[in-house]
Protein backbone atom coordinates (compact mmCIF):
# COMPACT_ATOMS: atom_id res chain seq x y z
CA MET A 1 47.21 -107.22 132.06
CA ASP A 2 47.76 -107.54 135.81
CA ARG A 3 46.65 -110.80 137.37
CA PRO A 4 44.35 -110.13 140.35
CA TYR A 5 44.77 -111.82 143.70
CA GLU A 6 42.70 -114.94 143.00
CA SER A 7 44.79 -117.76 144.50
CA ASN A 8 42.83 -117.99 147.75
CA SER A 9 39.46 -118.21 146.01
CA ARG A 10 40.75 -120.73 143.48
CA ILE A 11 42.22 -122.96 146.18
CA ALA A 12 38.97 -122.64 148.15
CA ARG A 13 37.11 -123.91 145.09
CA LEU A 14 39.56 -126.80 144.81
CA ARG A 15 39.00 -127.71 148.46
CA ALA A 16 35.22 -127.62 147.96
CA ALA A 17 35.51 -129.81 144.86
CA MET A 18 37.68 -132.28 146.78
CA ASP A 19 35.15 -132.40 149.63
CA ARG A 20 32.46 -133.35 147.12
CA LEU A 21 34.70 -135.93 145.48
CA ASP A 22 36.05 -137.56 148.63
CA PRO A 23 35.14 -136.38 152.15
CA GLN A 24 38.17 -138.31 153.45
CA TRP A 25 40.77 -136.71 151.21
CA GLY A 26 43.99 -135.70 152.93
CA THR A 27 46.36 -133.93 150.52
CA VAL A 28 46.57 -132.69 146.95
CA LEU A 29 50.08 -132.51 145.48
CA LEU A 30 50.40 -130.52 142.24
CA VAL A 31 53.56 -130.78 140.14
CA GLY A 32 52.14 -129.52 136.82
CA ARG A 33 53.43 -126.04 136.05
CA VAL A 34 50.27 -124.80 134.35
CA ASN A 35 48.23 -125.88 137.37
CA GLN A 36 50.77 -124.22 139.67
CA TYR A 37 50.36 -121.02 137.67
CA TYR A 38 46.57 -121.23 137.93
CA PHE A 39 46.60 -121.65 141.71
CA THR A 40 49.60 -119.46 142.63
CA GLY A 41 50.31 -116.97 139.83
CA SER A 42 53.83 -118.28 139.19
CA MET A 43 55.13 -121.10 136.97
CA GLN A 44 58.24 -122.64 138.53
CA ASP A 45 59.92 -125.97 139.20
CA GLY A 46 57.97 -126.58 142.37
CA LEU A 47 55.33 -128.44 144.30
CA LEU A 48 52.02 -127.00 145.47
CA VAL A 49 50.74 -128.76 148.60
CA VAL A 50 47.06 -128.36 149.51
CA ARG A 51 46.13 -130.06 152.78
CA ARG A 52 42.54 -130.60 153.88
CA ASP A 53 43.38 -129.41 157.39
CA GLY A 54 46.05 -126.81 156.71
CA PRO A 55 47.07 -123.85 154.54
CA ALA A 56 48.27 -124.28 150.96
CA VAL A 57 52.06 -124.02 150.60
CA TYR A 58 54.06 -123.51 147.41
CA PHE A 59 57.50 -125.14 147.62
CA VAL A 60 59.89 -124.00 144.88
CA ARG A 61 63.17 -125.47 143.73
CA ARG A 62 63.85 -122.96 140.97
CA SER A 63 63.38 -120.03 140.93
CA PHE A 64 62.38 -119.28 144.51
CA ASP A 65 63.10 -115.55 144.15
CA ARG A 66 60.89 -115.30 141.08
CA ALA A 67 58.10 -117.23 142.78
CA CYS A 68 58.20 -114.83 145.71
CA ALA A 69 57.91 -111.89 143.31
CA GLU A 70 55.12 -113.38 141.19
CA ALA A 71 52.96 -115.63 143.36
CA ASP A 72 49.90 -114.19 145.06
CA LEU A 73 49.84 -117.15 147.46
CA SER A 74 50.96 -116.03 150.91
CA ASP A 75 53.09 -119.07 151.82
CA VAL A 76 55.98 -119.66 149.39
CA ARG A 77 59.01 -121.64 150.61
CA PRO A 78 62.29 -122.85 149.09
CA MET A 79 63.13 -126.53 148.69
CA ASP A 80 65.96 -128.61 147.29
CA GLY A 81 63.76 -131.68 146.98
CA TYR A 82 60.43 -133.16 148.01
CA ARG A 83 61.85 -134.31 151.33
CA ASP A 84 62.21 -130.65 152.34
CA ALA A 85 58.49 -130.16 151.83
CA ALA A 86 57.69 -133.31 153.81
CA LYS A 87 59.99 -132.20 156.63
CA ALA A 88 58.40 -128.76 156.78
CA LEU A 89 54.77 -129.93 156.77
CA GLY A 90 55.01 -133.47 158.08
CA ALA A 91 55.22 -136.53 155.85
CA GLU A 92 51.75 -137.90 156.62
CA CYS A 93 49.45 -137.15 153.67
CA ARG A 94 46.68 -139.72 154.20
CA ARG A 95 44.56 -140.11 151.04
CA THR A 96 46.70 -138.30 148.46
CA TYR A 97 45.62 -136.92 145.10
CA LEU A 98 48.12 -136.36 142.27
CA GLU A 99 48.03 -135.27 138.62
CA THR A 100 48.33 -138.78 137.22
CA GLU A 101 48.03 -137.47 133.65
CA ILE A 102 51.09 -135.25 134.20
CA ALA A 103 53.37 -136.79 136.84
CA THR A 104 55.66 -139.50 135.51
CA VAL A 105 56.15 -142.77 137.36
CA ALA A 106 59.58 -141.52 138.45
CA VAL A 107 58.08 -138.34 139.95
CA VAL A 108 55.39 -140.32 141.73
CA GLU A 109 57.99 -142.64 143.20
CA ARG A 110 60.05 -139.69 144.46
CA LEU A 111 56.93 -138.24 146.08
CA LYS A 112 56.21 -141.60 147.71
CA ARG A 113 59.71 -141.72 149.16
CA ALA A 114 59.23 -138.25 150.65
CA PHE A 115 55.62 -138.51 151.86
CA ALA A 116 53.58 -141.19 153.60
CA MET A 117 50.54 -141.79 151.42
CA GLU A 118 47.61 -143.94 152.45
CA ALA A 119 46.44 -144.09 148.83
CA VAL A 120 47.43 -142.40 145.54
CA LEU A 121 44.44 -141.16 143.52
CA PRO A 122 43.95 -138.97 140.41
CA VAL A 123 43.06 -135.29 140.78
CA ASP A 124 43.31 -134.27 137.11
CA ARG A 125 39.60 -134.16 136.34
CA THR A 126 38.78 -132.30 139.54
CA VAL A 127 41.38 -129.60 138.84
CA LEU A 128 40.11 -129.18 135.29
CA GLU A 129 36.55 -128.82 136.56
CA VAL A 130 37.72 -126.05 138.88
CA ARG A 131 39.55 -124.36 136.01
CA MET A 132 36.60 -124.79 133.64
CA ILE A 133 34.60 -121.85 135.03
CA LYS A 134 36.51 -118.69 134.18
CA SER A 135 36.78 -115.57 136.33
CA VAL A 136 36.22 -112.04 135.04
CA TYR A 137 40.00 -111.65 134.71
CA GLU A 138 40.39 -114.88 132.75
CA ILE A 139 37.62 -113.98 130.34
CA ALA A 140 39.17 -110.52 129.89
CA CYS A 141 42.46 -112.17 128.88
CA MET A 142 40.64 -114.38 126.39
CA GLU A 143 38.64 -111.43 125.05
CA GLU A 144 41.87 -109.57 124.32
CA ALA A 145 43.39 -112.69 122.76
CA GLY A 146 40.31 -113.17 120.61
CA ARG A 147 40.21 -109.53 119.50
CA LEU A 148 43.84 -109.55 118.40
CA HIS A 149 43.49 -113.03 116.91
CA ARG A 150 40.62 -111.99 114.65
CA ARG A 151 42.40 -108.81 113.56
CA PHE A 152 45.48 -110.86 112.75
CA LEU A 153 43.58 -113.34 110.58
CA ASP A 154 41.61 -110.60 108.81
CA ASP A 155 44.23 -107.90 108.34
CA VAL A 156 47.68 -109.48 108.54
CA LEU A 157 47.63 -113.06 107.32
CA PRO A 158 46.40 -112.43 103.76
CA GLY A 159 49.41 -110.18 103.20
CA LEU A 160 51.78 -112.99 104.21
CA LEU A 161 50.76 -115.27 101.32
CA GLU A 162 53.05 -115.44 98.29
CA GLU A 163 53.05 -117.86 95.38
CA GLY A 164 55.80 -120.47 95.78
CA MET A 165 56.23 -120.10 99.52
CA SER A 166 56.27 -123.33 101.54
CA GLU A 167 54.01 -124.23 104.45
CA VAL A 168 57.05 -123.83 106.70
CA ASP A 169 57.66 -120.33 105.28
CA LEU A 170 54.10 -119.31 106.16
CA THR A 171 54.25 -120.90 109.60
CA GLY A 172 57.42 -118.97 110.40
CA ARG A 173 55.89 -115.70 109.24
CA VAL A 174 52.70 -116.36 111.21
CA TYR A 175 54.66 -117.03 114.40
CA ASP A 176 56.82 -113.94 113.96
CA GLU A 177 53.87 -111.66 113.23
CA MET A 178 51.79 -113.07 116.09
CA LEU A 179 54.58 -112.18 118.52
CA ARG A 180 54.68 -108.67 117.06
CA PHE A 181 50.90 -108.53 117.47
CA GLY A 182 51.14 -109.25 121.20
CA GLY A 183 50.68 -113.02 121.36
CA HIS A 184 52.55 -114.98 124.02
CA GLY A 185 54.12 -117.36 121.48
CA VAL A 186 53.05 -120.69 123.03
CA ALA A 187 50.16 -122.98 122.07
CA ARG A 188 49.68 -125.19 125.14
CA PHE A 189 47.87 -128.52 125.07
CA SER A 190 47.18 -130.82 128.00
CA MET A 191 46.95 -133.89 125.77
CA PHE A 192 49.81 -136.30 126.54
CA GLN A 193 52.82 -135.83 124.22
CA ASN A 194 50.96 -133.40 121.99
CA GLU A 195 53.00 -130.96 119.89
CA VAL A 196 51.63 -128.67 117.20
CA GLY A 197 53.86 -125.60 117.09
CA THR A 198 51.99 -122.48 115.97
CA GLY A 199 48.95 -124.44 114.83
CA GLN A 200 47.81 -126.40 111.79
CA ILE A 201 48.70 -124.56 108.59
CA ALA A 202 48.21 -126.45 105.34
CA PHE A 203 47.94 -125.80 101.62
CA GLY A 204 45.32 -127.64 99.63
CA GLU A 205 45.09 -131.41 99.96
CA SER A 206 47.86 -131.56 102.58
CA GLY A 207 45.20 -130.44 105.06
CA LEU A 208 43.66 -133.92 104.68
CA VAL A 209 46.83 -135.90 105.49
CA ARG A 210 46.31 -138.09 108.53
CA THR A 211 48.13 -137.23 111.73
CA SER A 212 48.14 -138.36 115.36
CA PHE A 213 46.58 -135.05 116.42
CA ASP A 214 42.96 -135.43 117.52
CA GLY A 215 41.46 -132.70 115.39
CA PRO A 216 39.69 -132.36 112.04
CA GLY A 217 42.63 -130.86 110.15
CA GLY A 218 45.74 -132.66 108.96
CA GLY A 219 49.16 -131.88 107.58
CA LEU A 220 52.30 -133.32 106.01
CA GLY A 221 54.64 -131.96 108.68
CA MET A 222 58.37 -131.49 108.30
CA SER A 223 59.31 -135.18 108.61
CA PRO A 224 58.29 -138.35 110.48
CA ALA A 225 60.32 -136.98 113.43
CA VAL A 226 58.53 -133.61 113.32
CA PRO A 227 55.06 -134.37 111.93
CA PHE A 228 53.78 -130.82 112.40
CA ILE A 229 54.89 -127.20 111.66
CA GLY A 230 54.34 -127.75 107.90
CA SER A 231 56.11 -129.09 104.83
CA ARG A 232 59.16 -127.52 103.21
CA GLU A 233 58.20 -129.20 99.91
CA ARG A 234 54.50 -128.30 99.68
CA CYS A 235 54.51 -124.82 98.13
CA LEU A 236 51.62 -122.44 97.57
CA ARG A 237 50.00 -122.63 94.14
CA VAL A 238 47.28 -120.57 92.52
CA GLY A 239 43.91 -122.08 93.43
CA ASP A 240 45.06 -123.63 96.70
CA LEU A 241 42.96 -123.49 99.81
CA VAL A 242 45.01 -122.17 102.72
CA PHE A 243 43.85 -123.70 106.01
CA VAL A 244 44.96 -121.79 109.11
CA ASP A 245 43.92 -123.20 112.50
CA CYS A 246 45.93 -121.59 115.28
CA GLY A 247 45.75 -120.42 118.85
CA PHE A 248 46.57 -116.95 120.13
CA GLY A 249 47.46 -116.29 123.74
CA ILE A 250 47.54 -113.44 126.23
CA ASP A 251 49.05 -114.00 129.72
CA GLY A 252 48.68 -117.76 129.35
CA TYR A 253 45.05 -117.72 128.16
CA HIS A 254 44.16 -118.76 124.62
CA SER A 255 41.66 -118.09 121.91
CA ASP A 256 41.26 -120.62 119.11
CA CYS A 257 40.20 -119.62 115.60
CA THR A 258 40.30 -121.00 112.07
CA GLN A 259 40.18 -119.11 108.79
CA VAL A 260 40.26 -120.57 105.28
CA TYR A 261 41.58 -118.60 102.30
CA ARG A 262 41.77 -119.34 98.59
CA PHE A 263 44.88 -118.09 96.91
CA GLY A 264 44.57 -116.39 93.52
CA ALA A 265 41.05 -117.59 92.70
CA GLU A 266 37.45 -117.29 93.80
CA PRO A 267 36.17 -120.21 95.91
CA THR A 268 34.25 -122.80 93.88
CA GLU A 269 30.53 -123.43 94.39
CA GLU A 270 31.33 -126.65 96.27
CA MET A 271 33.76 -124.89 98.60
CA VAL A 272 31.23 -122.12 99.30
CA ARG A 273 28.38 -124.59 99.90
CA LEU A 274 30.29 -126.82 102.32
CA HIS A 275 31.92 -123.92 104.11
CA GLY A 276 28.47 -122.34 104.47
CA ILE A 277 27.18 -125.51 106.14
CA CYS A 278 30.00 -125.21 108.68
CA ILE A 279 29.09 -121.58 109.40
CA ALA A 280 25.44 -122.57 109.91
CA VAL A 281 26.44 -125.41 112.25
CA GLU A 282 28.59 -123.03 114.30
CA ARG A 283 25.82 -120.45 114.61
CA GLU A 284 23.27 -123.07 115.68
CA ALA A 285 25.66 -124.57 118.23
CA ALA A 286 26.56 -121.13 119.58
CA GLU A 287 22.88 -120.47 120.29
CA ALA A 288 22.87 -123.60 122.46
CA LEU A 289 25.84 -122.50 124.60
CA ARG A 290 23.65 -121.55 127.55
CA PRO A 291 23.63 -122.68 131.20
CA GLY A 292 21.94 -126.08 131.29
CA GLY A 293 22.89 -126.97 127.72
CA ILE A 294 24.07 -130.57 127.27
CA PRO A 295 27.34 -130.94 125.32
CA SER A 296 26.42 -134.34 123.85
CA ALA A 297 23.04 -133.00 122.66
CA ILE A 298 24.72 -130.03 120.93
CA TYR A 299 27.05 -132.47 119.16
CA GLU A 300 24.19 -134.74 118.06
CA GLN A 301 22.28 -131.76 116.71
CA ALA A 302 25.30 -130.80 114.61
CA LEU A 303 25.45 -134.30 113.12
CA ARG A 304 21.76 -134.10 112.22
CA ARG A 305 22.32 -130.67 110.68
CA VAL A 306 25.11 -132.00 108.47
CA GLY A 307 23.21 -135.15 107.50
CA PRO A 308 24.39 -138.58 106.32
CA GLU A 309 25.65 -137.24 102.97
CA LEU A 310 28.59 -135.49 104.64
CA GLU A 311 29.02 -137.59 107.76
CA SER A 312 32.24 -139.29 106.59
CA HIS A 313 33.81 -135.90 105.75
CA PHE A 314 32.51 -133.87 108.69
CA MET A 315 35.14 -132.95 111.29
CA GLY A 316 37.88 -134.41 109.13
CA PHE A 317 38.10 -136.69 106.14
CA GLU A 318 37.10 -140.35 106.08
CA GLY A 319 39.29 -142.19 108.64
CA GLN A 320 40.73 -138.92 109.96
CA ARG A 321 37.47 -137.71 111.51
CA ALA A 322 37.47 -136.15 114.97
CA LYS A 323 34.46 -137.23 117.02
CA PHE A 324 33.62 -133.89 118.60
CA LEU A 325 32.29 -130.48 117.58
CA GLY A 326 34.07 -128.27 120.10
CA HIS A 327 36.22 -128.20 123.20
CA GLY A 328 36.84 -126.16 126.30
CA ILE A 329 39.69 -123.68 126.20
CA GLY A 330 41.65 -121.53 128.62
CA LEU A 331 45.20 -122.07 129.90
CA HIS A 332 45.20 -125.07 127.55
CA LEU A 333 43.69 -125.26 124.08
CA ASP A 334 42.08 -128.59 124.99
CA GLU A 335 40.08 -128.41 128.19
CA PRO A 336 36.69 -129.71 129.28
CA PRO A 337 33.90 -129.69 128.43
CA VAL A 338 33.98 -131.48 125.07
CA LEU A 339 30.99 -131.31 122.74
CA ALA A 340 30.86 -135.02 122.00
CA LYS A 341 29.00 -138.21 122.84
CA GLY A 342 29.16 -139.12 126.51
CA PHE A 343 29.63 -135.56 127.79
CA ASP A 344 26.31 -135.01 129.55
CA GLN A 345 27.19 -132.63 132.38
CA PRO A 346 25.17 -129.42 131.83
CA LEU A 347 27.02 -126.27 130.84
CA VAL A 348 27.35 -123.42 133.34
CA GLU A 349 27.89 -119.72 132.84
CA GLY A 350 31.52 -118.67 132.45
CA VAL A 351 32.68 -121.79 130.61
CA THR A 352 34.68 -121.02 127.45
CA ILE A 353 34.38 -123.25 124.39
CA ALA A 354 35.86 -123.33 120.88
CA LEU A 355 33.40 -124.51 118.21
CA GLU A 356 35.11 -125.89 115.10
CA PRO A 357 32.83 -127.46 112.45
CA LYS A 358 34.92 -128.44 109.43
CA ILE A 359 34.53 -130.56 106.31
CA GLY A 360 37.18 -132.25 104.17
CA ILE A 361 36.90 -132.15 100.38
CA ALA A 362 38.62 -134.96 98.46
CA GLY A 363 41.61 -133.72 96.48
CA VAL A 364 40.98 -130.12 97.55
CA GLY A 365 41.52 -129.64 101.28
CA MET A 366 39.68 -128.54 104.39
CA VAL A 367 36.96 -125.93 104.72
CA GLY A 368 35.21 -124.75 107.87
CA VAL A 369 35.44 -122.36 110.77
CA GLU A 370 36.40 -122.14 114.41
CA ASP A 371 35.64 -119.50 117.00
CA THR A 372 35.92 -119.12 120.77
CA TYR A 373 32.80 -118.49 122.88
CA VAL A 374 31.75 -117.82 126.47
CA VAL A 375 28.65 -119.59 127.79
CA THR A 376 26.03 -116.99 128.80
CA PRO A 377 22.25 -117.06 129.48
CA GLU A 378 21.75 -115.44 126.04
CA GLY A 379 23.81 -118.09 124.24
CA GLY A 380 27.47 -118.23 123.30
CA ARG A 381 29.19 -114.83 123.24
CA CYS A 382 31.84 -114.91 120.54
CA LEU A 383 35.35 -113.67 121.40
CA THR A 384 36.83 -114.10 117.91
CA GLY A 385 34.34 -112.36 115.66
CA GLY A 386 32.32 -115.31 114.33
CA GLY A 387 32.71 -117.54 111.30
CA ARG A 388 33.80 -115.78 108.10
CA PRO A 389 33.35 -116.94 104.47
CA ILE A 390 36.38 -118.24 102.60
CA VAL A 391 38.59 -115.24 101.82
CA MET A 392 40.03 -114.88 98.33
CA VAL A 393 43.61 -113.59 98.42
CA THR A 394 44.93 -111.88 95.31
CA ARG A 395 47.94 -113.54 93.72
CA ARG A 396 51.29 -111.87 94.38
């Protein structure tokens, strides 16, 4: 879908947020490509300069021609290096804010050689707070992603399962079919050095294997060098749970959804009971996704709902537990706010959140659900159809 001309309003919101943060701020320098896309409409090798007392300028090393065609920012200029930007605008930046979670030390040093900075300060949280409230266009992208995502998990994925296939086989088929279904083929995370491929896809107990990824699910991965994608050795057997936690994207914006299947057998009473608890937790949390809702309180309520019996297996398995119930989502799959302890800023309308209550079962695997919601005065509006029971897939 066509991206509307929103750069001016987004940059105006950034300026207002900076004024609240630091009335003496001088310049914001953005090198992150996802942030450049958010504020300009193009994703290039460039530098977006936002001055407190001047217009925003997008300097592009490669590809300048494409940036001119795509960006809805009025001032786009070519550069060979950061010194060109400093020469064009003046090197004096005063109090300077950078994406310290994104820019490497080497990039920061190059910026310092080009610009005169009174101080170097982090802008990451402020940018994410601006991005947190979605526009009508952004929500429309996520609605379309969620609609196709749910159809894919309901109508396509069960037909991809075959006895004896490996986790890697299924991951490859999922990726291929998602592209055919209209997905953009990338699952973007802002977390430093985070790689997951298509998502977390695991058979049976491999969904409990510990990983570095901060989420409830696990996986064997391909090897220690590629600890994601899936295992070539773990093959699908009759009776396995199939855990599919993946993102789906349209024009850069994601939905996040999880569906659990059981291959060749009806789910056991224990699977149904624990999965049902997850569905109930999601529904209760979704009701609380209203303006003024407190993320930490929603998380604490979920813990009370689960109770001490399941606490060590909720949102993971024993030492693998993730200490949150849900997370913001948009251009990245992991954005603020987080439904977790310490996150006390009230929710506002237009924030998008993925709720993902899950429970690990020893020797069996992971059950649970995940869906993407928009915060509204009536509670969370689901974009991915809502939590489904475990789906039995007939053996082939």
